[in-house]
Protein backbone atom coordinates (compact mmCIF):
# COMPACT_ATOMS: atom_id res chain seq x y z
CA MET A 1 -0.15 0.16 -0.37
CA THR A 2 1.55 3.47 -1.20
CA PRO A 3 1.56 6.15 1.74
CA THR A 4 -1.22 8.23 -0.43
CA THR A 5 -3.90 4.82 -0.14
CA GLN A 6 -3.00 4.32 3.16
CA PRO A 7 -5.85 4.67 5.66
CA LEU A 8 -5.54 7.65 7.70
CA ALA A 9 -4.90 6.21 11.33
CA ASP A 10 -2.16 4.10 9.81
CA ARG A 11 -0.62 7.41 8.41
CA LEU A 12 -1.03 9.14 11.53
CA ARG A 13 -0.47 6.19 13.99
CA PRO A 14 2.84 6.98 16.56
CA GLN A 15 6.31 5.49 15.16
CA SER A 16 7.81 5.88 18.64
CA LEU A 17 6.91 6.28 22.43
CA ALA A 18 7.81 10.07 22.26
CA GLU A 19 5.02 10.59 19.62
CA PHE A 20 2.57 8.39 22.02
CA VAL A 21 0.35 11.21 23.42
CA GLY A 22 -2.10 11.24 26.69
CA GLN A 23 -0.32 8.26 28.74
CA GLN A 24 2.42 10.41 29.86
CA HIS A 25 2.59 8.58 33.13
CA LEU A 26 3.34 5.74 31.43
CA VAL A 27 5.52 6.39 29.06
CA GLY A 28 6.75 9.62 30.01
CA VAL A 29 10.49 9.99 30.92
CA GLY A 30 11.20 7.84 34.13
CA LYS A 31 8.11 6.58 34.17
CA PRO A 32 7.60 2.60 34.51
CA LEU A 33 7.11 1.40 30.67
CA TYR A 34 9.73 4.34 30.04
CA GLN A 35 12.25 2.78 32.35
CA MET A 36 11.43 -0.78 31.56
CA LEU A 37 12.33 0.08 27.71
CA LYS A 38 15.52 2.01 28.62
CA ASN A 39 16.87 -1.09 30.64
CA ASN A 40 15.55 -3.21 28.07
CA ALA A 41 13.60 -5.63 31.10
CA VAL A 42 9.91 -5.72 29.92
CA HIS A 43 8.02 -7.74 31.17
CA SER A 44 4.98 -10.08 29.99
CA MET A 45 1.54 -7.28 30.70
CA ILE A 46 -1.96 -6.70 29.99
CA LEU A 47 -2.98 -3.89 28.10
CA TRP A 48 -6.50 -3.15 28.84
CA GLY A 49 -9.03 -0.52 27.86
CA PRO A 50 -11.95 0.80 25.42
CA PRO A 51 -10.96 0.05 21.60
CA GLY A 52 -9.13 3.22 19.89
CA VAL A 53 -7.19 4.22 23.03
CA GLY A 54 -3.46 3.13 21.39
CA LYS A 55 -3.27 -0.43 22.82
CA THR A 56 -2.29 -2.04 19.78
CA THR A 57 -0.11 0.89 18.88
CA LEU A 58 1.55 0.88 22.00
CA ALA A 59 2.09 -3.26 21.94
CA ARG A 60 4.02 -2.65 18.42
CA MET A 61 6.09 0.01 19.54
CA ILE A 62 7.18 -2.03 22.81
CA ALA A 63 7.66 -4.85 20.34
CA ALA A 64 9.46 -3.02 18.12
CA HIS A 65 11.69 -1.21 20.65
CA THR A 66 13.02 -4.45 22.34
CA GLY A 67 13.74 -6.14 18.86
CA LYS A 68 10.48 -8.89 19.25
CA ARG A 69 8.16 -10.33 16.78
CA PHE A 70 4.77 -8.98 17.12
CA VAL A 71 1.18 -10.86 16.31
CA ALA A 72 -1.33 -9.42 16.85
CA LEU A 73 -4.74 -11.52 17.65
CA SER A 74 -7.96 -10.23 17.88
């Protein structure tokens, strides 16, 4: 899919934690998830919330940052 035919949501989706808006209490500098990623010590976790809040996007970013494979299940 070319960038111009990609859905708008895909084009605007954050690509890094710095672009991830709205969860600074978790991903901000010095916060729990930030520290886990910084120390490369990410453990299993459950991301819970209503549709559209960024759970899958956050999971993809964590996987990319840690060099792990991401498999989306629905």
